[in-house]
């Protein structure tokens, strides 16, 4: 074998010029070339985008953390019951809820004397030290169920809330709501007044909380 006949291993045999001319003359040749080139370009683009995405995820951009913080729902977003008096009203709690399991001293302090008898106190009383009237606010958002004047407990307002809760406001004056009204938490509904049942308390607000038609200690729900 002559040296010029030897072929390096892995070399490609050259195509004679006549064969190239025949290929170029074929109608399908150039479309096939274009399709092959387009496929190659798309493959390169796809590969480049994947490598870029991989680099971004490996980079500490903080984007993932930001998205997570924005999508995590806020916990404890439900409205919490507040005291029915404003912070600047100067009204303070004057009497608490009667606790059957409380100490003798606390139970004695939570009894109301009326008509020669003692009655367990069923809520919280609020009053000012100077005996003046103050605004009474809705402890929670809700719908006014009842507005009436009771001969013993004075003007009364009941507001229905979610989850079977009802708040009751007694010993009122200057009532500014009516049955069927919708109120927001903190809305003024009346002013503190007087009643016969707690005559010795003077100008005050009597506030009760009922859960599923049962009177409960307001402390179980206020600011909880």
C-alpha atoms as a PDB file:
ATOM      1  CA  UNK A   1       0.000   0.000   0.000  1.00  0.00           C
ATOM      2  CA  UNK A   2       1.304   3.395  -0.966  1.00  0.00           C
ATOM      3  CA  UNK A   3       1.687   6.019   1.778  1.00  0.00           C
ATOM      4  CA  UNK A   4      -0.807   8.321   0.061  1.00  0.00           C
ATOM      5  CA  UNK A   5      -3.441   5.532   0.201  1.00  0.00           C
ATOM      6  CA  UNK A   6      -3.244   5.287   3.980  1.00  0.00           C
ATOM      7  CA  UNK A   7      -6.096   6.936   5.967  1.00  0.00           C
ATOM      8  CA  UNK A   8      -5.761   8.134   9.579  1.00  0.00           C
ATOM      9  CA  UNK A   9      -7.961   6.265  12.046  1.00  0.00           C
ATOM     10  CA  UNK A  10     -11.364   7.973  12.437  1.00  0.00           C
ATOM     11  CA  UNK A  11     -10.980  10.146   9.329  1.00  0.00           C
ATOM     12  CA  UNK A  12     -13.937  10.847   7.047  1.00  0.00           C
ATOM     13  CA  UNK A  13     -13.698   9.973   3.391  1.00  0.00           C
ATOM     14  CA  UNK A  14     -13.896  13.046   1.179  1.00  0.00           C
ATOM     15  CA  UNK A  15     -16.937  13.368  -1.068  1.00  0.00           C
ATOM     16  CA  UNK A  16     -16.017  13.999  -4.687  1.00  0.00           C
ATOM     17  CA  UNK A  17     -17.054  17.340  -6.193  1.00  0.00           C
ATOM     18  CA  UNK A  18     -19.443  15.625  -8.552  1.00  0.00           C
ATOM     19  CA  UNK A  19     -21.401  14.171  -5.637  1.00  0.00           C
ATOM     20  CA  UNK A  20     -21.603  17.637  -3.966  1.00  0.00           C
ATOM     21  CA  UNK A  21     -23.024  19.094  -7.135  1.00  0.00           C
ATOM     22  CA  UNK A  22     -25.582  16.315  -7.308  1.00  0.00           C
ATOM     23  CA  UNK A  23     -26.598  16.945  -3.680  1.00  0.00           C
ATOM     24  CA  UNK A  24     -26.886  20.684  -4.188  1.00  0.00           C
ATOM     25  CA  UNK A  25     -29.072  20.038  -7.200  1.00  0.00           C
ATOM     26  CA  UNK A  26     -31.584  18.102  -5.080  1.00  0.00           C
ATOM     27  CA  UNK A  27     -34.735  20.150  -4.131  1.00  0.00           C
ATOM     28  CA  UNK A  28     -34.847  18.741  -0.617  1.00  0.00           C
ATOM     29  CA  UNK A  29     -31.205  19.500   0.226  1.00  0.00           C
ATOM     30  CA  UNK A  30     -31.418  23.137   1.390  1.00  0.00           C
ATOM     31  CA  UNK A  31     -34.707  22.704   3.364  1.00  0.00           C
ATOM     32  CA  UNK A  32     -33.122  19.742   5.103  1.00  0.00           C
ATOM     33  CA  UNK A  33     -30.076  21.838   5.965  1.00  0.00           C
ATOM     34  CA  UNK A  34     -32.252  24.653   7.314  1.00  0.00           C
ATOM     35  CA  UNK A  35     -34.261  22.254   9.485  1.00  0.00           C
ATOM     36  CA  UNK A  36     -31.131  20.664  10.874  1.00  0.00           C
ATOM     37  CA  UNK A  37     -29.634  24.080  11.638  1.00  0.00           C
ATOM     38  CA  UNK A  38     -32.869  25.242  13.324  1.00  0.00           C
ATOM     39  CA  UNK A  39     -32.965  22.089  15.457  1.00  0.00           C
ATOM     40  CA  UNK A  40     -29.368  22.665  16.517  1.00  0.00           C
ATOM     41  CA  UNK A  41     -30.046  26.315  17.444  1.00  0.00           C
ATOM     42  CA  UNK A  42     -33.153  25.396  19.482  1.00  0.00           C
ATOM     43  CA  UNK A  43     -31.187  22.715  21.305  1.00  0.00           C
ATOM     44  CA  UNK A  44     -28.475  25.241  22.177  1.00  0.00           C
ATOM     45  CA  UNK A  45     -31.036  27.786  23.404  1.00  0.00           C
ATOM     46  CA  UNK A  46     -32.787  25.179  25.567  1.00  0.00           C
ATOM     47  CA  UNK A  47     -29.470  24.057  27.046  1.00  0.00           C
ATOM     48  CA  UNK A  48     -28.441  27.661  27.770  1.00  0.00           C
ATOM     49  CA  UNK A  49     -31.707  28.493  29.536  1.00  0.00           C
ATOM     50  CA  UNK A  50     -31.484  25.412  31.740  1.00  0.00           C
ATOM     51  CA  UNK A  51     -27.958  26.256  32.789  1.00  0.00           C
ATOM     52  CA  UNK A  52     -29.031  29.844  33.562  1.00  0.00           C
ATOM     53  CA  UNK A  53     -31.970  28.643  35.701  1.00  0.00           C
ATOM     54  CA  UNK A  54     -29.653  26.317  37.553  1.00  0.00           C
ATOM     55  CA  UNK A  55     -27.234  29.144  38.258  1.00  0.00           C
ATOM     56  CA  UNK A  56     -30.014  31.385  39.593  1.00  0.00           C
ATOM     57  CA  UNK A  57     -31.294  28.746  41.990  1.00  0.00           C
ATOM     58  CA  UNK A  58     -27.802  28.193  43.292  1.00  0.00           C
ATOM     59  CA  UNK A  59     -27.290  31.910  43.828  1.00  0.00           C
ATOM     60  CA  UNK A  60     -28.374  33.375  47.158  1.00  0.00           C
ATOM     61  CA  UNK A  61     -30.719  36.012  45.731  1.00  0.00           C
ATOM     62  CA  UNK A  62     -33.269  35.921  48.594  1.00  0.00           C
ATOM     63  CA  UNK A  63     -36.111  35.782  46.043  1.00  0.00           C
ATOM     64  CA  UNK A  64     -37.395  32.432  47.269  1.00  0.00           C
ATOM     65  CA  UNK A  65     -37.505  33.635  50.850  1.00  0.00           C
ATOM     66  CA  UNK A  66     -39.356  36.801  49.813  1.00  0.00           C
ATOM     67  CA  UNK A  67     -42.014  34.850  47.935  1.00  0.00           C
ATOM     68  CA  UNK A  68     -42.522  32.531  50.889  1.00  0.00           C
ATOM     69  CA  UNK A  69     -42.948  35.436  53.275  1.00  0.00           C
ATOM     70  CA  UNK A  70     -45.561  37.036  51.027  1.00  0.00           C
ATOM     71  CA  UNK A  71     -47.613  33.875  50.563  1.00  0.00           C
ATOM     72  CA  UNK A  72     -47.625  32.670  54.184  1.00  0.00           C
ATOM     73  CA  UNK A  73     -51.032  33.604  55.640  1.00  0.00           C
ATOM     74  CA  UNK A  74     -51.095  35.705  58.766  1.00  0.00           C
ATOM     75  CA  UNK A  75     -52.109  33.724  61.804  1.00  0.00           C
ATOM     76  CA  UNK A  76     -54.660  34.864  64.376  1.00  0.00           C
ATOM     77  CA  UNK A  77     -56.302  37.348  62.057  1.00  0.00           C
ATOM     78  CA  UNK A  78     -59.733  36.878  63.693  1.00  0.00           C
ATOM     79  CA  UNK A  79     -61.075  39.918  65.537  1.00  0.00           C
ATOM     80  CA  UNK A  80     -60.459  39.788  69.274  1.00  0.00           C
ATOM     81  CA  UNK A  81     -62.968  41.115  71.770  1.00  0.00           C
ATOM     82  CA  UNK A  82     -61.965  44.385  73.417  1.00  0.00           C
ATOM     83  CA  UNK A  83     -63.199  46.230  76.476  1.00  0.00           C
ATOM     84  CA  UNK A  84     -66.389  48.203  75.786  1.00  0.00           C
ATOM     85  CA  UNK A  85     -64.761  51.444  76.953  1.00  0.00           C
ATOM     86  CA  UNK A  86     -62.050  53.528  75.301  1.00  0.00           C
ATOM     87  CA  UNK A  87     -58.586  53.740  76.833  1.00  0.00           C
ATOM     88  CA  UNK A  88     -58.944  57.490  77.336  1.00  0.00           C
ATOM     89  CA  UNK A  89     -62.422  57.272  78.905  1.00  0.00           C
ATOM     90  CA  UNK A  90     -60.985  57.120  82.456  1.00  0.00           C
ATOM     91  CA  UNK A  91     -63.489  54.334  83.138  1.00  0.00           C
ATOM     92  CA  UNK A  92     -62.227  51.480  85.276  1.00  0.00           C
ATOM     93  CA  UNK A  93     -63.607  48.080  86.216  1.00  0.00           C
ATOM     94  CA  UNK A  94     -65.671  48.539  89.368  1.00  0.00           C
ATOM     95  CA  UNK A  95     -67.048  45.019  89.828  1.00  0.00           C
ATOM     96  CA  UNK A  96     -66.132  41.642  88.375  1.00  0.00           C
ATOM     97  CA  UNK A  97     -67.861  38.420  87.393  1.00  0.00           C
ATOM     98  CA  UNK A  98     -69.068  36.176  90.216  1.00  0.00           C
ATOM     99  CA  UNK A  99     -66.906  33.042  90.283  1.00  0.00           C
ATOM    100  CA  UNK A 100     -68.434  30.109  92.137  1.00  0.00           C
ATOM    101  CA  UNK A 101     -64.949  28.625  92.547  1.00  0.00           C
ATOM    102  CA  UNK A 102     -63.428  31.922  93.670  1.00  0.00           C
ATOM    103  CA  UNK A 103     -62.290  32.880  97.152  1.00  0.00           C
ATOM    104  CA  UNK A 104     -64.791  34.057  99.740  1.00  0.00           C
ATOM    105  CA  UNK A 105     -63.433  37.581  99.418  1.00  0.00           C
ATOM    106  CA  UNK A 106     -63.805  37.678  95.630  1.00  0.00           C
ATOM    107  CA  UNK A 107     -67.301  36.193  95.774  1.00  0.00           C
ATOM    108  CA  UNK A 108     -68.388  38.715  98.389  1.00  0.00           C
ATOM    109  CA  UNK A 109     -67.058  41.540  96.194  1.00  0.00           C
ATOM    110  CA  UNK A 110     -69.104  40.209  93.253  1.00  0.00           C
ATOM    111  CA  UNK A 111     -72.526  40.255  94.889  1.00  0.00           C
ATOM    112  CA  UNK A 112     -75.219  42.849  94.156  1.00  0.00           C
ATOM    113  CA  UNK A 113     -77.633  43.763  96.913  1.00  0.00           C
ATOM    114  CA  UNK A 114     -81.163  44.447  95.743  1.00  0.00           C
ATOM    115  CA  UNK A 115     -84.513  44.219  97.519  1.00  0.00           C
ATOM    116  CA  UNK A 116     -82.959  42.754 100.688  1.00  0.00           C
ATOM    117  CA  UNK A 117     -81.301  39.972  98.709  1.00  0.00           C
ATOM    118  CA  UNK A 118     -77.855  39.324  97.237  1.00  0.00           C
ATOM    119  CA  UNK A 119     -77.456  38.430  93.583  1.00  0.00           C
ATOM    120  CA  UNK A 120     -74.346  37.024  91.829  1.00  0.00           C
ATOM    121  CA  UNK A 121     -72.910  39.608  89.465  1.00  0.00           C
ATOM    122  CA  UNK A 122     -73.148  38.327  85.875  1.00  0.00           C
ATOM    123  CA  UNK A 123     -70.616  40.575  84.149  1.00  0.00           C
ATOM    124  CA  UNK A 124     -68.207  43.484  84.492  1.00  0.00           C
ATOM    125  CA  UNK A 125     -69.138  46.948  85.733  1.00  0.00           C
ATOM    126  CA  UNK A 126     -67.213  50.014  84.551  1.00  0.00           C
ATOM    127  CA  UNK A 127     -67.349  53.466  86.136  1.00  0.00           C
ATOM    128  CA  UNK A 128     -65.339  56.639  86.511  1.00  0.00           C
ATOM    129  CA  UNK A 129     -64.060  57.720  89.899  1.00  0.00           C
ATOM    130  CA  UNK A 130     -65.604  61.160  89.426  1.00  0.00           C
ATOM    131  CA  UNK A 131     -69.007  59.629  88.666  1.00  0.00           C
ATOM    132  CA  UNK A 132     -69.272  61.208  85.194  1.00  0.00           C
ATOM    133  CA  UNK A 133     -70.682  59.549  82.101  1.00  0.00           C
ATOM    134  CA  UNK A 134     -68.461  58.039  79.392  1.00  0.00           C
ATOM    135  CA  UNK A 135     -68.833  56.521  75.945  1.00  0.00           C
ATOM    136  CA  UNK A 136     -69.793  52.862  75.586  1.00  0.00           C
ATOM    137  CA  UNK A 137     -68.313  51.116  72.526  1.00  0.00           C
ATOM    138  CA  UNK A 138     -69.049  47.854  70.736  1.00  0.00           C
ATOM    139  CA  UNK A 139     -66.631  45.221  72.050  1.00  0.00           C
ATOM    140  CA  UNK A 140     -66.700  43.420  68.685  1.00  0.00           C
ATOM    141  CA  UNK A 141     -68.164  43.909  65.244  1.00  0.00           C
ATOM    142  CA  UNK A 142     -71.643  42.500  64.850  1.00  0.00           C
ATOM    143  CA  UNK A 143     -75.367  43.105  64.424  1.00  0.00           C
ATOM    144  CA  UNK A 144     -77.641  44.732  67.010  1.00  0.00           C
ATOM    145  CA  UNK A 145     -80.205  42.183  68.153  1.00  0.00           C
ATOM    146  CA  UNK A 146     -82.183  44.138  70.719  1.00  0.00           C
ATOM    147  CA  UNK A 147     -82.548  47.662  72.099  1.00  0.00           C
ATOM    148  CA  UNK A 148     -84.955  48.212  74.954  1.00  0.00           C
ATOM    149  CA  UNK A 149     -85.508  49.865  78.303  1.00  0.00           C
ATOM    150  CA  UNK A 150     -85.729  47.561  81.293  1.00  0.00           C
ATOM    151  CA  UNK A 151     -87.294  48.929  84.508  1.00  0.00           C
ATOM    152  CA  UNK A 152     -84.513  47.374  86.613  1.00  0.00           C
ATOM    153  CA  UNK A 153     -81.373  47.311  84.472  1.00  0.00           C
ATOM    154  CA  UNK A 154     -82.088  50.464  82.448  1.00  0.00           C
ATOM    155  CA  UNK A 155     -81.505  50.864  78.724  1.00  0.00           C
ATOM    156  CA  UNK A 156     -80.086  47.691  77.185  1.00  0.00           C
ATOM    157  CA  UNK A 157     -78.342  46.823  73.919  1.00  0.00           C
ATOM    158  CA  UNK A 158     -77.511  43.308  72.702  1.00  0.00           C
ATOM    159  CA  UNK A 159     -75.102  42.688  69.818  1.00  0.00           C
ATOM    160  CA  UNK A 160     -74.681  39.349  68.060  1.00  0.00           C
ATOM    161  CA  UNK A 161     -71.221  38.268  66.877  1.00  0.00           C
ATOM    162  CA  UNK A 162     -69.700  35.219  65.223  1.00  0.00           C
ATOM    163  CA  UNK A 163     -69.226  31.820  66.867  1.00  0.00           C
ATOM    164  CA  UNK A 164     -72.341  32.078  69.039  1.00  0.00           C
ATOM    165  CA  UNK A 165     -71.149  35.135  70.986  1.00  0.00           C
ATOM    166  CA  UNK A 166     -73.445  37.906  72.182  1.00  0.00           C
ATOM    167  CA  UNK A 167     -72.396  40.998  74.132  1.00  0.00           C
ATOM    168  CA  UNK A 168     -74.866  42.773  76.425  1.00  0.00           C
ATOM    169  CA  UNK A 169     -74.650  46.415  77.521  1.00  0.00           C
ATOM    170  CA  UNK A 170     -76.902  47.606  80.364  1.00  0.00           C
ATOM    171  CA  UNK A 171     -77.413  50.751  82.434  1.00  0.00           C
ATOM    172  CA  UNK A 172     -77.114  52.952  79.340  1.00  0.00           C
ATOM    173  CA  UNK A 173     -78.123  56.443  78.335  1.00  0.00           C
ATOM    174  CA  UNK A 174     -78.088  58.256  75.008  1.00  0.00           C
ATOM    175  CA  UNK A 175     -78.418  55.027  73.017  1.00  0.00           C
ATOM    176  CA  UNK A 176     -77.412  55.636  69.394  1.00  0.00           C
ATOM    177  CA  UNK A 177     -78.238  52.310  67.725  1.00  0.00           C
ATOM    178  CA  UNK A 178     -81.368  50.326  66.921  1.00  0.00           C
ATOM    179  CA  UNK A 179     -82.159  46.679  66.287  1.00  0.00           C
ATOM    180  CA  UNK A 180     -80.830  45.533  62.924  1.00  0.00           C
ATOM    181  CA  UNK A 181     -77.925  47.976  62.812  1.00  0.00           C
ATOM    182  CA  UNK A 182     -74.472  46.684  61.913  1.00  0.00           C
ATOM    183  CA  UNK A 183     -71.650  48.000  64.083  1.00  0.00           C
ATOM    184  CA  UNK A 184     -67.881  47.794  63.901  1.00  0.00           C
ATOM    185  CA  UNK A 185     -65.631  47.124  66.837  1.00  0.00           C
ATOM    186  CA  UNK A 186     -65.047  50.357  68.751  1.00  0.00           C
ATOM    187  CA  UNK A 187     -68.166  52.137  67.434  1.00  0.00           C
ATOM    188  CA  UNK A 188     -69.948  54.220  70.037  1.00  0.00           C
ATOM    189  CA  UNK A 189     -73.352  52.723  70.795  1.00  0.00           C
ATOM    190  CA  UNK A 190     -74.373  54.692  73.909  1.00  0.00           C
ATOM    191  CA  UNK A 191     -73.183  56.388  77.095  1.00  0.00           C
ATOM    192  CA  UNK A 192     -73.036  55.043  80.625  1.00  0.00           C
ATOM    193  CA  UNK A 193     -76.098  55.714  82.748  1.00  0.00           C
ATOM    194  CA  UNK A 194     -77.950  54.571  85.856  1.00  0.00           C
ATOM    195  CA  UNK A 195     -80.320  51.745  86.773  1.00  0.00           C
ATOM    196  CA  UNK A 196     -82.352  50.588  89.753  1.00  0.00           C
ATOM    197  CA  UNK A 197     -80.813  47.137  90.125  1.00  0.00           C
ATOM    198  CA  UNK A 198     -77.354  48.560  90.860  1.00  0.00           C
ATOM    199  CA  UNK A 199     -78.456  51.907  92.247  1.00  0.00           C
ATOM    200  CA  UNK A 200     -75.439  52.192  94.553  1.00  0.00           C
ATOM    201  CA  UNK A 201     -73.098  51.941  91.546  1.00  0.00           C
ATOM    202  CA  UNK A 202     -74.252  55.326  90.234  1.00  0.00           C
ATOM    203  CA  UNK A 203     -73.344  56.117  86.606  1.00  0.00           C
ATOM    204  CA  UNK A 204     -71.841  52.941  85.207  1.00  0.00           C
ATOM    205  CA  UNK A 205     -71.863  50.358  82.421  1.00  0.00           C
ATOM    206  CA  UNK A 206     -72.837  46.753  83.070  1.00  0.00           C
ATOM    207  CA  UNK A 207     -71.227  44.503  80.436  1.00  0.00           C
ATOM    208  CA  UNK A 208     -71.996  40.823  79.861  1.00  0.00           C
ATOM    209  CA  UNK A 209     -70.804  38.129  77.444  1.00  0.00           C
ATOM    210  CA  UNK A 210     -72.958  35.167  76.443  1.00  0.00           C
ATOM    211  CA  UNK A 211     -71.732  32.089  74.627  1.00  0.00           C
ATOM    212  CA  UNK A 212     -74.429  29.881  73.091  1.00  0.00           C
ATOM    213  CA  UNK A 213     -77.065  31.607  75.296  1.00  0.00           C
ATOM    214  CA  UNK A 214     -75.065  31.031  78.485  1.00  0.00           C
ATOM    215  CA  UNK A 215     -73.610  33.901  80.521  1.00  0.00           C
ATOM    216  CA  UNK A 216     -69.844  33.512  80.868  1.00  0.00           C
ATOM    217  CA  UNK A 217     -66.961  35.415  82.414  1.00  0.00           C
ATOM    218  CA  UNK A 218     -66.016  38.238  79.981  1.00  0.00           C
ATOM    219  CA  UNK A 219     -62.393  37.649  80.940  1.00  0.00           C
ATOM    220  CA  UNK A 220     -62.459  34.444  78.880  1.00  0.00           C
ATOM    221  CA  UNK A 221     -62.807  36.464  75.686  1.00  0.00           C
ATOM    222  CA  UNK A 222     -61.664  40.060  76.243  1.00  0.00           C
ATOM    223  CA  UNK A 223     -58.194  40.550  74.699  1.00  0.00           C
ATOM    224  CA  UNK A 224     -57.773  36.763  74.337  1.00  0.00           C
END
